[in-house]
Amino acid sequence: MKGKWIAALCLLPFALFFIAFQIAPLIWIAVSSFYSETNEAWGWANYSDILTSPFYLQAIKFSMDISLWSSVYGLLIALVGSYSLRQMGPTKVHDFVMSFTNMTSNFAGVPLAFAFVILLGLNGCMTLILRKYGLMESFNLYSKTGLIVLYTYFQIPLGVLLLYPAFDGLREDWRESAALLGAGRFSYWRHIGLPVMAPALMGTFVILLANALGAYATVYALTTGNFNVVPVRIAALVAGDISLDPNLGSALAMLLVVIMAFITFIHQWLLRRSYVHVRT
């Protein structure tokens, strides 16, 4: 009993920190989102303004499109990369790639935007080379397609770091047993490998999606706030010079919270179904 009290006291600073910087701001945002500065009254006016405004609906659509596609591409590339690293084993190349992945997982924000401008901007070195051979005539880094490429880049290292340990759940004797029973590589991954890794894949996808939905510094540095995505709109409402309305920004932030909560609920539901399927 004494050990439990000591453990609880050790966790107290973390609990206070979590409440002060996570729970309290969330509650404040949720409460302030219901106050309309335009009407000077409490109610659903902020949410009504957002859900009936083509401008804010476009921001939500662009954010969801970029986040979904970059998460899917990042997950697929990270899955192949993690599997290749696992098959490679403890070699110098393996250690180098893992170290490089750890380093690039923190490479985001303004430095990442600057690097992509140099490489794939309108006059970037890769753009000029590929355009010379007619391979990149219609690509625009500052469009939705360009942002999907940019987001996918910083999703890949995070996906590799999250998926790499998941391959520990695959036992080599399962592959050997499947091969003895006549199962090929495709059948093994379809009936054994992917179902076992399904919880890790779904969990990684949700984390990548949240990572992309909340990204702000990179897209702002690349487009100087001219591309219509939700984080840029929230920043403009909270700290803008033209349309300053923190309460409307709070409502927009709460809609992001609701979207992420819904995605997380679907994720947990799919996890429960996968666990039931494995047991049966």
C-alpha atoms as a PDB file:
ATOM      1  CA  MET A   1       0.000   0.000   0.000  1.00  0.00           C
ATOM      2  CA  LYS A   2       2.832   2.388   0.846  1.00  0.00           C
ATOM      3  CA  GLY A   3       4.425   1.705  -2.544  1.00  0.00           C
ATOM      4  CA  LYS A   4       1.168   2.644  -4.300  1.00  0.00           C
ATOM      5  CA  TRP A   5       1.008   5.969  -2.456  1.00  0.00           C
ATOM      6  CA  ILE A   6       4.607   6.730  -3.385  1.00  0.00           C
ATOM      7  CA  ALA A   7       3.861   5.893  -7.019  1.00  0.00           C
ATOM      8  CA  ALA A   8       0.778   8.151  -6.930  1.00  0.00           C
ATOM      9  CA  LEU A   9       2.851  11.026  -5.518  1.00  0.00           C
ATOM     10  CA  CYS A  10       5.428  10.552  -8.266  1.00  0.00           C
ATOM     11  CA  LEU A  11       2.655  10.792 -10.846  1.00  0.00           C
ATOM     12  CA  LEU A  12       1.182  13.936  -9.269  1.00  0.00           C
ATOM     13  CA  PRO A  13       3.468  16.416 -11.127  1.00  0.00           C
ATOM     14  CA  PHE A  14       2.601  14.755 -14.428  1.00  0.00           C
ATOM     15  CA  ALA A  15      -1.125  14.861 -13.605  1.00  0.00           C
ATOM     16  CA  LEU A  16      -0.919  18.575 -12.738  1.00  0.00           C
ATOM     17  CA  PHE A  17       1.041  19.280 -15.911  1.00  0.00           C
ATOM     18  CA  PHE A  18      -1.495  17.328 -18.003  1.00  0.00           C
ATOM     19  CA  ILE A  19      -4.458  19.130 -16.442  1.00  0.00           C
ATOM     20  CA  ALA A  20      -2.855  22.570 -16.787  1.00  0.00           C
ATOM     21  CA  PHE A  21      -1.733  22.217 -20.407  1.00  0.00           C
ATOM     22  CA  GLN A  22      -4.225  19.715 -21.884  1.00  0.00           C
ATOM     23  CA  ILE A  23      -7.519  19.524 -19.999  1.00  0.00           C
ATOM     24  CA  ALA A  24      -7.877  23.169 -18.894  1.00  0.00           C
ATOM     25  CA  PRO A  25      -7.181  24.684 -22.369  1.00  0.00           C
ATOM     26  CA  LEU A  26      -9.587  22.187 -23.961  1.00  0.00           C
ATOM     27  CA  ILE A  27     -12.335  23.130 -21.513  1.00  0.00           C
ATOM     28  CA  TRP A  28     -11.663  26.844 -22.092  1.00  0.00           C
ATOM     29  CA  ILE A  29     -11.835  26.401 -25.878  1.00  0.00           C
ATOM     30  CA  ALA A  30     -15.042  24.352 -25.610  1.00  0.00           C
ATOM     31  CA  VAL A  31     -16.729  26.986 -23.439  1.00  0.00           C
ATOM     32  CA  SER A  32     -15.575  30.014 -25.461  1.00  0.00           C
ATOM     33  CA  SER A  33     -16.666  28.369 -28.721  1.00  0.00           C
ATOM     34  CA  PHE A  34     -20.289  28.928 -27.699  1.00  0.00           C
ATOM     35  CA  TYR A  35     -19.946  32.707 -27.298  1.00  0.00           C
ATOM     36  CA  SER A  36     -20.483  34.755 -30.444  1.00  0.00           C
ATOM     37  CA  GLU A  37     -18.732  38.119 -30.490  1.00  0.00           C
ATOM     38  CA  THR A  38     -20.842  39.163 -33.474  1.00  0.00           C
ATOM     39  CA  ASN A  39     -24.161  38.562 -31.688  1.00  0.00           C
ATOM     40  CA  GLU A  40     -22.705  39.126 -28.199  1.00  0.00           C
ATOM     41  CA  ALA A  41     -24.650  36.128 -26.967  1.00  0.00           C
ATOM     42  CA  TRP A  42     -24.162  32.480 -26.052  1.00  0.00           C
ATOM     43  CA  GLY A  43     -25.356  29.787 -28.415  1.00  0.00           C
ATOM     44  CA  TRP A  44     -24.560  27.842 -31.550  1.00  0.00           C
ATOM     45  CA  ALA A  45     -23.962  30.876 -33.756  1.00  0.00           C
ATOM     46  CA  ASN A  46     -20.232  30.177 -34.262  1.00  0.00           C
ATOM     47  CA  TYR A  47     -20.863  26.605 -35.347  1.00  0.00           C
ATOM     48  CA  SER A  48     -23.710  27.738 -37.609  1.00  0.00           C
ATOM     49  CA  ASP A  49     -21.442  30.324 -39.241  1.00  0.00           C
ATOM     50  CA  ILE A  50     -18.776  27.689 -39.908  1.00  0.00           C
ATOM     51  CA  LEU A  51     -21.103  24.977 -41.220  1.00  0.00           C
ATOM     52  CA  THR A  52     -22.916  27.405 -43.548  1.00  0.00           C
ATOM     53  CA  SER A  53     -19.809  29.180 -44.831  1.00  0.00           C
ATOM     54  CA  PRO A  54     -18.346  27.835 -48.116  1.00  0.00           C
ATOM     55  CA  PHE A  55     -14.991  29.318 -47.096  1.00  0.00           C
ATOM     56  CA  TYR A  56     -14.688  27.346 -43.834  1.00  0.00           C
ATOM     57  CA  LEU A  57     -16.230  24.220 -45.355  1.00  0.00           C
ATOM     58  CA  GLN A  58     -13.560  24.402 -48.051  1.00  0.00           C
ATOM     59  CA  ALA A  59     -10.884  24.629 -45.333  1.00  0.00           C
ATOM     60  CA  ILE A  60     -12.291  21.512 -43.633  1.00  0.00           C
ATOM     61  CA  LYS A  61     -12.477  19.669 -46.971  1.00  0.00           C
ATOM     62  CA  PHE A  62      -8.900  20.577 -47.933  1.00  0.00           C
ATOM     63  CA  SER A  63      -7.592  19.589 -44.489  1.00  0.00           C
ATOM     64  CA  MET A  64      -9.374  16.235 -44.601  1.00  0.00           C
ATOM     65  CA  ASP A  65      -8.269  15.501 -48.187  1.00  0.00           C
ATOM     66  CA  ILE A  66      -4.623  16.334 -47.509  1.00  0.00           C
ATOM     67  CA  SER A  67      -4.581  14.505 -44.179  1.00  0.00           C
ATOM     68  CA  LEU A  68      -6.326  11.366 -45.442  1.00  0.00           C
ATOM     69  CA  TRP A  69      -4.266  10.925 -48.601  1.00  0.00           C
ATOM     70  CA  SER A  70      -0.943  11.780 -46.963  1.00  0.00           C
ATOM     71  CA  SER A  71      -1.734   9.352 -44.128  1.00  0.00           C
ATOM     72  CA  VAL A  72      -2.622   6.566 -46.576  1.00  0.00           C
ATOM     73  CA  TYR A  73       0.489   7.124 -48.701  1.00  0.00           C
ATOM     74  CA  GLY A  74       2.699   7.549 -45.650  1.00  0.00           C
ATOM     75  CA  LEU A  75       1.300   4.369 -44.069  1.00  0.00           C
ATOM     76  CA  LEU A  76       1.849   2.280 -47.202  1.00  0.00           C
ATOM     77  CA  ILE A  77       5.401   3.531 -47.727  1.00  0.00           C
ATOM     78  CA  ALA A  78       6.208   3.144 -44.028  1.00  0.00           C
ATOM     79  CA  LEU A  79       4.811  -0.404 -44.065  1.00  0.00           C
ATOM     80  CA  VAL A  80       7.064  -1.423 -46.952  1.00  0.00           C
ATOM     81  CA  GLY A  81      10.042   0.379 -45.423  1.00  0.00           C
ATOM     82  CA  SER A  82       9.536  -1.145 -41.974  1.00  0.00           C
ATOM     83  CA  TYR A  83       9.210  -4.635 -43.434  1.00  0.00           C
ATOM     84  CA  SER A  84      12.380  -4.147 -45.485  1.00  0.00           C
ATOM     85  CA  LEU A  85      14.286  -2.947 -42.425  1.00  0.00           C
ATOM     86  CA  ARG A  86      13.045  -5.912 -40.400  1.00  0.00           C
ATOM     87  CA  GLN A  87      14.103  -8.342 -43.127  1.00  0.00           C
ATOM     88  CA  MET A  88      17.484  -6.653 -43.428  1.00  0.00           C
ATOM     89  CA  GLY A  89      18.411  -7.479 -39.844  1.00  0.00           C
ATOM     90  CA  PRO A  90      21.050  -5.780 -37.652  1.00  0.00           C
ATOM     91  CA  THR A  91      23.405  -4.411 -40.303  1.00  0.00           C
ATOM     92  CA  LYS A  92      25.188  -1.094 -40.691  1.00  0.00           C
ATOM     93  CA  VAL A  93      22.699  -0.020 -43.343  1.00  0.00           C
ATOM     94  CA  HIS A  94      19.833  -0.937 -41.006  1.00  0.00           C
ATOM     95  CA  ASP A  95      21.316   1.103 -38.157  1.00  0.00           C
ATOM     96  CA  PHE A  96      21.977   4.060 -40.455  1.00  0.00           C
ATOM     97  CA  VAL A  97      18.430   4.064 -41.837  1.00  0.00           C
ATOM     98  CA  MET A  98      16.907   3.840 -38.351  1.00  0.00           C
ATOM     99  CA  SER A  99      19.100   6.704 -37.125  1.00  0.00           C
ATOM    100  CA  PHE A 100      18.193   8.732 -40.195  1.00  0.00           C
ATOM    101  CA  THR A 101      14.506   7.994 -39.620  1.00  0.00           C
ATOM    102  CA  ASN A 102      14.728   9.176 -36.014  1.00  0.00           C
ATOM    103  CA  MET A 103      16.379  12.375 -37.187  1.00  0.00           C
ATOM    104  CA  THR A 104      13.953  13.121 -40.033  1.00  0.00           C
ATOM    105  CA  SER A 105      10.902  12.461 -37.839  1.00  0.00           C
ATOM    106  CA  ASN A 106      11.681  15.835 -36.234  1.00  0.00           C
ATOM    107  CA  PHE A 107      12.407  17.564 -39.549  1.00  0.00           C
ATOM    108  CA  ALA A 108       9.293  19.667 -40.063  1.00  0.00           C
ATOM    109  CA  GLY A 109       8.059  23.226 -39.949  1.00  0.00           C
ATOM    110  CA  VAL A 110       9.965  26.050 -41.618  1.00  0.00           C
ATOM    111  CA  PRO A 111      13.148  24.024 -42.441  1.00  0.00           C
ATOM    112  CA  LEU A 112      11.072  21.376 -44.233  1.00  0.00           C
ATOM    113  CA  ALA A 113       9.133  23.984 -46.202  1.00  0.00           C
ATOM    114  CA  PHE A 114      12.392  25.712 -47.187  1.00  0.00           C
ATOM    115  CA  ALA A 115      13.905  22.386 -48.299  1.00  0.00           C
ATOM    116  CA  PHE A 116      10.905  21.600 -50.503  1.00  0.00           C
ATOM    117  CA  VAL A 117      10.957  25.078 -52.032  1.00  0.00           C
ATOM    118  CA  ILE A 118      14.594  24.515 -52.997  1.00  0.00           C
ATOM    119  CA  LEU A 119      13.857  21.052 -54.418  1.00  0.00           C
ATOM    120  CA  LEU A 120      10.328  21.220 -55.839  1.00  0.00           C
ATOM    121  CA  GLY A 121       9.413  24.920 -55.893  1.00  0.00           C
ATOM    122  CA  LEU A 122       8.549  26.761 -59.091  1.00  0.00           C
ATOM    123  CA  ASN A 123      12.280  27.150 -59.774  1.00  0.00           C
ATOM    124  CA  GLY A 124      13.543  24.293 -57.593  1.00  0.00           C
ATOM    125  CA  CYS A 125      16.475  22.224 -58.780  1.00  0.00           C
ATOM    126  CA  MET A 126      14.457  18.990 -59.138  1.00  0.00           C
ATOM    127  CA  THR A 127      11.606  20.879 -60.813  1.00  0.00           C
ATOM    128  CA  LEU A 128      13.921  22.384 -63.428  1.00  0.00           C
ATOM    129  CA  ILE A 129      15.604  19.024 -64.115  1.00  0.00           C
ATOM    130  CA  LEU A 130      12.338  17.110 -64.463  1.00  0.00           C
ATOM    131  CA  ARG A 131      10.714  19.893 -66.467  1.00  0.00           C
ATOM    132  CA  LYS A 132      13.628  19.794 -68.902  1.00  0.00           C
ATOM    133  CA  TYR A 133      12.753  16.188 -69.740  1.00  0.00           C
ATOM    134  CA  GLY A 134       9.004  16.834 -69.732  1.00  0.00           C
ATOM    135  CA  LEU A 135       8.303  14.881 -66.556  1.00  0.00           C
ATOM    136  CA  MET A 136       6.844  17.621 -64.348  1.00  0.00           C
ATOM    137  CA  GLU A 137       4.809  20.049 -66.424  1.00  0.00           C
ATOM    138  CA  SER A 138       1.708  20.334 -64.250  1.00  0.00           C
ATOM    139  CA  PHE A 139       3.087  19.798 -60.732  1.00  0.00           C
ATOM    140  CA  ASN A 140       2.698  22.746 -58.359  1.00  0.00           C
ATOM    141  CA  LEU A 141       4.155  22.514 -54.864  1.00  0.00           C
ATOM    142  CA  TYR A 142       1.777  25.213 -53.611  1.00  0.00           C
ATOM    143  CA  SER A 143      -1.368  23.317 -54.640  1.00  0.00           C
ATOM    144  CA  LYS A 144      -3.284  20.586 -52.814  1.00  0.00           C
ATOM    145  CA  THR A 145      -1.300  17.911 -54.677  1.00  0.00           C
ATOM    146  CA  GLY A 146       1.978  19.552 -53.682  1.00  0.00           C
ATOM    147  CA  LEU A 147       0.901  19.719 -50.039  1.00  0.00           C
ATOM    148  CA  ILE A 148      -0.036  16.027 -50.109  1.00  0.00           C
ATOM    149  CA  VAL A 149       3.508  15.260 -51.293  1.00  0.00           C
ATOM    150  CA  LEU A 150       4.943  17.493 -48.581  1.00  0.00           C
ATOM    151  CA  TYR A 151       2.787  16.008 -45.829  1.00  0.00           C
ATOM    152  CA  THR A 152       3.543  12.467 -46.991  1.00  0.00           C
ATOM    153  CA  TYR A 153       7.246  13.167 -46.599  1.00  0.00           C
ATOM    154  CA  PHE A 154       7.019  13.977 -42.883  1.00  0.00           C
ATOM    155  CA  GLN A 155       4.492  11.182 -42.316  1.00  0.00           C
ATOM    156  CA  ILE A 156       6.861   8.441 -43.501  1.00  0.00           C
ATOM    157  CA  PRO A 157       9.486   8.616 -40.688  1.00  0.00           C
ATOM    158  CA  LEU A 158       6.793   8.687 -38.001  1.00  0.00           C
ATOM    159  CA  GLY A 159       5.036   5.745 -39.652  1.00  0.00           C
ATOM    160  CA  VAL A 160       8.276   3.736 -39.786  1.00  0.00           C
ATOM    161  CA  LEU A 161       8.998   4.376 -36.102  1.00  0.00           C
ATOM    162  CA  LEU A 162       5.474   3.271 -35.158  1.00  0.00           C
ATOM    163  CA  LEU A 163       5.239   0.220 -37.429  1.00  0.00           C
ATOM    164  CA  TYR A 164       8.734  -1.191 -37.026  1.00  0.00           C
ATOM    165  CA  PRO A 165       8.093  -2.688 -33.535  1.00  0.00           C
ATOM    166  CA  ALA A 166       4.790  -4.165 -34.777  1.00  0.00           C
ATOM    167  CA  PHE A 167       6.664  -6.747 -36.842  1.00  0.00           C
ATOM    168  CA  ASP A 168       7.824  -8.313 -33.573  1.00  0.00           C
ATOM    169  CA  GLY A 169       4.319  -9.763 -33.331  1.00  0.00           C
ATOM    170  CA  LEU A 170       4.900 -11.893 -36.428  1.00  0.00           C
ATOM    171  CA  ARG A 171       6.588 -15.182 -35.567  1.00  0.00           C
ATOM    172  CA  GLU A 172       8.809 -16.901 -38.091  1.00  0.00           C
ATOM    173  CA  ASP A 173       7.290 -20.315 -37.379  1.00  0.00           C
ATOM    174  CA  TRP A 174       3.915 -18.994 -38.581  1.00  0.00           C
ATOM    175  CA  ARG A 175       5.425 -18.330 -42.000  1.00  0.00           C
ATOM    176  CA  GLU A 176       7.079 -21.748 -42.039  1.00  0.00           C
ATOM    177  CA  SER A 177       3.871 -23.499 -40.995  1.00  0.00           C
ATOM    178  CA  ALA A 178       1.896 -21.646 -43.658  1.00  0.00           C
ATOM    179  CA  ALA A 179       4.470 -22.610 -46.290  1.00  0.00           C
ATOM    180  CA  LEU A 180       4.289 -26.286 -45.238  1.00  0.00           C
ATOM    181  CA  LEU A 181       0.509 -26.150 -45.633  1.00  0.00           C
ATOM    182  CA  GLY A 182       0.902 -24.804 -49.165  1.00  0.00           C
ATOM    183  CA  ALA A 183       0.200 -21.118 -48.513  1.00  0.00           C
ATOM    184  CA  GLY A 184       2.071 -18.687 -50.716  1.00  0.00           C
ATOM    185  CA  ARG A 185       3.379 -15.258 -49.743  1.00  0.00           C
ATOM    186  CA  PHE A 186       0.145 -13.521 -50.718  1.00  0.00           C
ATOM    187  CA  SER A 187      -2.010 -15.970 -48.749  1.00  0.00           C
ATOM    188  CA  TYR A 188       0.248 -15.668 -45.718  1.00  0.00           C
ATOM    189  CA  TRP A 189      -0.058 -11.883 -45.603  1.00  0.00           C
ATOM    190  CA  ARG A 190      -3.774 -11.946 -46.361  1.00  0.00           C
ATOM    191  CA  HIS A 191      -4.784 -14.500 -43.728  1.00  0.00           C
ATOM    192  CA  ILE A 192      -2.041 -14.166 -41.087  1.00  0.00           C
ATOM    193  CA  GLY A 193       0.314 -11.210 -41.433  1.00  0.00           C
ATOM    194  CA  LEU A 194      -2.073  -8.316 -42.073  1.00  0.00           C
ATOM    195  CA  PRO A 195      -4.809  -9.511 -39.631  1.00  0.00           C
ATOM    196  CA  VAL A 196      -2.209  -9.783 -36.847  1.00  0.00           C
ATOM    197  CA  MET A 197      -0.819  -6.345 -37.681  1.00  0.00           C
ATOM    198  CA  ALA A 198      -4.255  -4.755 -38.186  1.00  0.00           C
ATOM    199  CA  PRO A 199      -4.374  -3.060 -34.746  1.00  0.00           C
ATOM    200  CA  ALA A 200      -0.925  -1.528 -35.284  1.00  0.00           C
ATOM    201  CA  LEU A 201      -1.836  -0.420 -38.806  1.00  0.00           C
ATOM    202  CA  MET A 202      -5.078   1.205 -37.708  1.00  0.00           C
ATOM    203  CA  GLY A 203      -3.448   2.848 -34.701  1.00  0.00           C
ATOM    204  CA  THR A 204      -0.627   4.212 -36.847  1.00  0.00           C
ATOM    205  CA  PHE A 205      -3.121   5.560 -39.383  1.00  0.00           C
ATOM    206  CA  VAL A 206      -5.027   7.445 -36.677  1.00  0.00           C
ATOM    207  CA  ILE A 207      -1.802   8.964 -35.315  1.00  0.00           C
ATOM    208  CA  LEU A 208      -0.684   9.981 -38.813  1.00  0.00           C
ATOM    209  CA  LEU A 209      -4.080  11.516 -39.473  1.00  0.00           C
ATOM    210  CA  ALA A 210      -3.940  13.534 -36.252  1.00  0.00           C
ATOM    211  CA  ASN A 211      -0.381  14.575 -37.081  1.00  0.00           C
ATOM    212  CA  ALA A 212      -1.480  15.883 -40.480  1.00  0.00           C
ATOM    213  CA  LEU A 213      -4.676  17.563 -39.284  1.00  0.00           C
ATOM    214  CA  GLY A 214      -2.786  19.585 -36.688  1.00  0.00           C
ATOM    215  CA  ALA A 215       0.185  20.542 -38.897  1.00  0.00           C
ATOM    216  CA  TYR A 216       0.500  24.320 -39.119  1.00  0.00           C
ATOM    217  CA  ALA A 217       4.074  25.629 -39.335  1.00  0.00           C
ATOM    218  CA  THR A 218       5.000  23.781 -42.537  1.00  0.00           C
ATOM    219  CA  VAL A 219       1.957  24.776 -44.581  1.00  0.00           C
ATOM    220  CA  TYR A 220       2.065  28.347 -43.271  1.00  0.00           C
ATOM    221  CA  ALA A 221       5.760  28.743 -44.072  1.00  0.00           C
ATOM    222  CA  LEU A 222       5.253  27.268 -47.536  1.00  0.00           C
ATOM    223  CA  THR A 223       2.161  29.257 -48.551  1.00  0.00           C
ATOM    224  CA  THR A 224       2.455  32.250 -46.132  1.00  0.00           C
ATOM    225  CA  GLY A 225      -1.047  31.438 -44.929  1.00  0.00           C
ATOM    226  CA  ASN A 226      -2.666  31.690 -48.377  1.00  0.00           C
ATOM    227  CA  PHE A 227      -3.769  28.053 -48.592  1.00  0.00           C
ATOM    228  CA  ASN A 228      -7.139  27.406 -47.005  1.00  0.00           C
ATOM    229  CA  VAL A 229      -6.714  24.697 -44.359  1.00  0.00           C
ATOM    230  CA  VAL A 230      -8.172  24.571 -40.858  1.00  0.00           C
ATOM    231  CA  PRO A 231      -4.982  25.232 -38.790  1.00  0.00           C
ATOM    232  CA  VAL A 232      -4.224  28.326 -40.893  1.00  0.00           C
ATOM    233  CA  ARG A 233      -7.793  29.574 -40.469  1.00  0.00           C
ATOM    234  CA  ILE A 234      -7.662  29.035 -36.692  1.00  0.00           C
ATOM    235  CA  ALA A 235      -4.384  30.978 -36.478  1.00  0.00           C
ATOM    236  CA  ALA A 236      -5.864  33.800 -38.562  1.00  0.00           C
ATOM    237  CA  LEU A 237      -8.900  34.012 -36.274  1.00  0.00           C
ATOM    238  CA  VAL A 238      -6.835  33.928 -33.080  1.00  0.00           C
ATOM    239  CA  ALA A 239      -3.905  36.146 -34.058  1.00  0.00           C
ATOM    240  CA  GLY A 240      -4.919  37.730 -37.363  1.00  0.00           C
ATOM    241  CA  ASP A 241      -4.946  41.429 -38.162  1.00  0.00           C
ATOM    242  CA  ILE A 242      -8.072  41.431 -40.333  1.00  0.00           C
ATOM    243  CA  SER A 243     -10.575  38.858 -39.044  1.00  0.00           C
ATOM    244  CA  LEU A 244      -9.787  38.549 -35.350  1.00  0.00           C
ATOM    245  CA  ASP A 245     -12.398  36.324 -33.691  1.00  0.00           C
ATOM    246  CA  PRO A 246     -10.908  33.913 -31.105  1.00  0.00           C
ATOM    247  CA  ASN A 247     -14.286  32.424 -30.232  1.00  0.00           C
ATOM    248  CA  LEU A 248     -14.960  31.482 -33.843  1.00  0.00           C
ATOM    249  CA  GLY A 249     -11.462  29.995 -33.925  1.00  0.00           C
ATOM    250  CA  SER A 250     -12.336  27.994 -30.813  1.00  0.00           C
ATOM    251  CA  ALA A 251     -15.413  26.607 -32.557  1.00  0.00           C
ATOM    252  CA  LEU A 252     -13.307  25.639 -35.564  1.00  0.00           C
ATOM    253  CA  ALA A 253     -10.826  23.923 -33.240  1.00  0.00           C
ATOM    254  CA  MET A 254     -13.635  22.034 -31.513  1.00  0.00           C
ATOM    255  CA  LEU A 255     -14.840  20.751 -34.879  1.00  0.00           C
ATOM    256  CA  LEU A 256     -11.359  19.307 -35.390  1.00  0.00           C
ATOM    257  CA  VAL A 257     -11.624  17.686 -31.952  1.00  0.00           C
ATOM    258  CA  VAL A 258     -15.003  16.192 -32.891  1.00  0.00           C
ATOM    259  CA  ILE A 259     -13.607  14.848 -36.184  1.00  0.00           C
ATOM    260  CA  MET A 260     -10.643  13.254 -34.411  1.00  0.00           C
ATOM    261  CA  ALA A 261     -12.892  11.852 -31.674  1.00  0.00           C
ATOM    262  CA  PHE A 262     -15.132  10.274 -34.321  1.00  0.00           C
ATOM    263  CA  ILE A 263     -12.134   8.760 -36.143  1.00  0.00           C
ATOM    264  CA  THR A 264     -10.763   7.438 -32.836  1.00  0.00           C
ATOM    265  CA  PHE A 265     -14.159   5.905 -32.006  1.00  0.00           C
ATOM    266  CA  ILE A 266     -14.208   4.121 -35.376  1.00  0.00           C
ATOM    267  CA  HIS A 267     -10.640   2.966 -34.733  1.00  0.00           C
ATOM    268  CA  GLN A 268     -11.535   1.497 -31.341  1.00  0.00           C
ATOM    269  CA  TRP A 269     -14.620  -0.195 -32.805  1.00  0.00           C
ATOM    270  CA  LEU A 270     -12.541  -1.795 -35.560  1.00  0.00           C
ATOM    271  CA  LEU A 271      -9.969  -2.893 -32.975  1.00  0.00           C
ATOM    272  CA  ARG A 272     -12.621  -4.640 -30.902  1.00  0.00           C
ATOM    273  CA  ARG A 273     -13.925  -6.400 -34.014  1.00  0.00           C
ATOM    274  CA  SER A 274     -10.422  -7.499 -34.989  1.00  0.00           C
ATOM    275  CA  TYR A 275      -9.743  -8.882 -31.488  1.00  0.00           C
ATOM    276  CA  VAL A 276     -13.041 -10.793 -31.538  1.00  0.00           C
ATOM    277  CA  HIS A 277     -12.189 -12.145 -34.986  1.00  0.00           C
ATOM    278  CA  VAL A 278      -8.763 -13.321 -33.776  1.00  0.00           C
ATOM    279  CA  ARG A 279     -10.250 -15.054 -30.716  1.00  0.00           C
ATOM    280  CA  THR A 280     -12.852 -16.870 -32.793  1.00  0.00           C
END
